[in-house]
Amino acid sequence: MNITAFPDLHFIIEKMIAEGDFVVVHHTARGTHQGNFMNIPPTGKQVTMTGILIDRVAHGKIIEEWSVSDYLGLLQQIGVILSTE
């Protein structure tokens, strides 16, 4: 869904912390809204979204993942939801 809507999407790892069998990644994603996203037609707007991933690793492979991403901020940037700013 994200790659179709934002074909130039790229991620920047801001911070990465590993302890035991967990890895936490704080990232920033940037891209241009060029395709349908959640039935929202392309706006051509550039967006920036932050997120956090927590992965549990065993034998060199991710076996569980939890993630939180700022989709509210993304929807505000493409004009679907009004910002309070």
C-alpha atoms as a PDB file:
ATOM      1  CA  MET A   1       0.000   0.000   0.000  1.00  0.00           C
ATOM      2  CA  ASN A   2       2.722   2.502   0.946  1.00  0.00           C
ATOM      3  CA  ILE A   3       5.001   1.786  -2.027  1.00  0.00           C
ATOM      4  CA  THR A   4       2.109   2.092  -4.505  1.00  0.00           C
ATOM      5  CA  ALA A   5       0.991   5.417  -3.022  1.00  0.00           C
ATOM      6  CA  PHE A   6       4.507   6.757  -2.402  1.00  0.00           C
ATOM      7  CA  PRO A   7       6.782   5.159  -5.035  1.00  0.00           C
ATOM      8  CA  ASP A   8       9.775   7.311  -4.039  1.00  0.00           C
ATOM      9  CA  LEU A   9       9.385   6.395  -0.353  1.00  0.00           C
ATOM     10  CA  HIS A  10      12.652   6.156   1.550  1.00  0.00           C
ATOM     11  CA  PHE A  11      13.467   5.613   5.200  1.00  0.00           C
ATOM     12  CA  ILE A  12      16.104   7.213   7.390  1.00  0.00           C
ATOM     13  CA  ILE A  13      17.066   5.411  10.583  1.00  0.00           C
ATOM     14  CA  GLU A  14      17.260   8.058  13.291  1.00  0.00           C
ATOM     15  CA  LYS A  15      18.101   5.739  16.192  1.00  0.00           C
ATOM     16  CA  MET A  16      18.586   2.008  16.644  1.00  0.00           C
ATOM     17  CA  ILE A  17      18.908   0.236  19.969  1.00  0.00           C
ATOM     18  CA  ALA A  18      19.519  -3.479  20.459  1.00  0.00           C
ATOM     19  CA  GLU A  19      19.312  -5.309  23.753  1.00  0.00           C
ATOM     20  CA  GLY A  20      18.922  -9.026  24.252  1.00  0.00           C
ATOM     21  CA  ASP A  21      16.677 -10.350  21.489  1.00  0.00           C
ATOM     22  CA  PHE A  22      14.979  -6.984  20.829  1.00  0.00           C
ATOM     23  CA  VAL A  23      15.842  -4.237  18.350  1.00  0.00           C
ATOM     24  CA  VAL A  24      14.119  -0.840  18.447  1.00  0.00           C
ATOM     25  CA  VAL A  25      14.259   1.448  15.413  1.00  0.00           C
ATOM     26  CA  HIS A  26      13.099   5.069  15.315  1.00  0.00           C
ATOM     27  CA  HIS A  27      12.760   6.083  11.660  1.00  0.00           C
ATOM     28  CA  THR A  28      11.614   8.895   9.403  1.00  0.00           C
ATOM     29  CA  ALA A  29       9.962   8.110   6.064  1.00  0.00           C
ATOM     30  CA  ARG A  30       9.733  10.608   3.206  1.00  0.00           C
ATOM     31  CA  GLY A  31       7.955  10.366  -0.113  1.00  0.00           C
ATOM     32  CA  THR A  32       5.571  11.958  -2.600  1.00  0.00           C
ATOM     33  CA  HIS A  33       1.879  11.032  -2.712  1.00  0.00           C
ATOM     34  CA  GLN A  34       1.697   9.777  -6.324  1.00  0.00           C
ATOM     35  CA  GLY A  35      -0.806   6.893  -6.101  1.00  0.00           C
ATOM     36  CA  ASN A  36      -4.005   5.951  -4.284  1.00  0.00           C
ATOM     37  CA  PHE A  37      -3.552   5.705  -0.521  1.00  0.00           C
ATOM     38  CA  MET A  38      -6.472   4.319   1.487  1.00  0.00           C
ATOM     39  CA  ASN A  39      -8.778   5.278  -1.436  1.00  0.00           C
ATOM     40  CA  ILE A  40      -7.376   8.836  -1.398  1.00  0.00           C
ATOM     41  CA  PRO A  41      -6.362   9.947  -4.910  1.00  0.00           C
ATOM     42  CA  PRO A  42      -2.811  11.268  -5.432  1.00  0.00           C
ATOM     43  CA  THR A  43      -2.169  14.842  -4.299  1.00  0.00           C
ATOM     44  CA  GLY A  44       1.436  15.214  -5.458  1.00  0.00           C
ATOM     45  CA  LYS A  45       2.348  16.439  -1.962  1.00  0.00           C
ATOM     46  CA  GLN A  46       5.597  15.468  -0.301  1.00  0.00           C
ATOM     47  CA  VAL A  47       5.155  13.938   3.134  1.00  0.00           C
ATOM     48  CA  THR A  48       7.291  13.081   6.135  1.00  0.00           C
ATOM     49  CA  MET A  49       6.191  10.465   8.670  1.00  0.00           C
ATOM     50  CA  THR A  50       7.927   9.157  11.764  1.00  0.00           C
ATOM     51  CA  GLY A  51       7.597   5.728  13.296  1.00  0.00           C
ATOM     52  CA  ILE A  52       8.992   3.227  15.759  1.00  0.00           C
ATOM     53  CA  LEU A  53       9.531  -0.495  15.185  1.00  0.00           C
ATOM     54  CA  ILE A  54      10.225  -3.067  17.864  1.00  0.00           C
ATOM     55  CA  ASP A  55      11.473  -6.390  16.539  1.00  0.00           C
ATOM     56  CA  ARG A  56      12.140  -9.618  18.383  1.00  0.00           C
ATOM     57  CA  VAL A  57      14.921 -11.588  16.756  1.00  0.00           C
ATOM     58  CA  ALA A  58      15.778 -15.279  17.042  1.00  0.00           C
ATOM     59  CA  HIS A  59      18.457 -17.139  15.096  1.00  0.00           C
ATOM     60  CA  GLY A  60      19.153 -14.038  12.990  1.00  0.00           C
ATOM     61  CA  LYS A  61      15.526 -13.596  11.859  1.00  0.00           C
ATOM     62  CA  ILE A  62      12.730 -11.257  12.910  1.00  0.00           C
ATOM     63  CA  ILE A  63      10.061 -13.437  14.490  1.00  0.00           C
ATOM     64  CA  GLU A  64       7.793 -10.716  15.908  1.00  0.00           C
ATOM     65  CA  GLU A  65       7.316  -7.046  15.105  1.00  0.00           C
ATOM     66  CA  TRP A  66       5.337  -4.204  16.619  1.00  0.00           C
ATOM     67  CA  SER A  67       5.151  -0.834  14.909  1.00  0.00           C
ATOM     68  CA  VAL A  68       3.691   2.611  15.455  1.00  0.00           C
ATOM     69  CA  SER A  69       3.574   5.184  12.639  1.00  0.00           C
ATOM     70  CA  ASP A  70       2.187   8.710  12.517  1.00  0.00           C
ATOM     71  CA  TYR A  71      -0.584   8.167   9.963  1.00  0.00           C
ATOM     72  CA  LEU A  72      -2.586  11.050  11.454  1.00  0.00           C
ATOM     73  CA  GLY A  73       0.265  13.403  10.575  1.00  0.00           C
ATOM     74  CA  LEU A  74       0.473  11.894   7.087  1.00  0.00           C
ATOM     75  CA  LEU A  75      -3.265  12.404   6.497  1.00  0.00           C
ATOM     76  CA  GLN A  76      -2.921  16.008   7.667  1.00  0.00           C
ATOM     77  CA  GLN A  77      -0.041  16.571   5.239  1.00  0.00           C
ATOM     78  CA  ILE A  78      -2.049  15.358   2.245  1.00  0.00           C
ATOM     79  CA  GLY A  79      -5.030  17.473   3.305  1.00  0.00           C
ATOM     80  CA  VAL A  80      -7.510  14.774   4.319  1.00  0.00           C
ATOM     81  CA  ILE A  81      -7.636  15.820   7.990  1.00  0.00           C
ATOM     82  CA  LEU A  82      -7.337  19.422   9.099  1.00  0.00           C
ATOM     83  CA  SER A  83      -4.354  20.261  11.267  1.00  0.00           C
ATOM     84  CA  THR A  84      -4.889  22.139  14.523  1.00  0.00           C
ATOM     85  CA  GLU A  85      -1.804  24.253  13.870  1.00  0.00           C
END
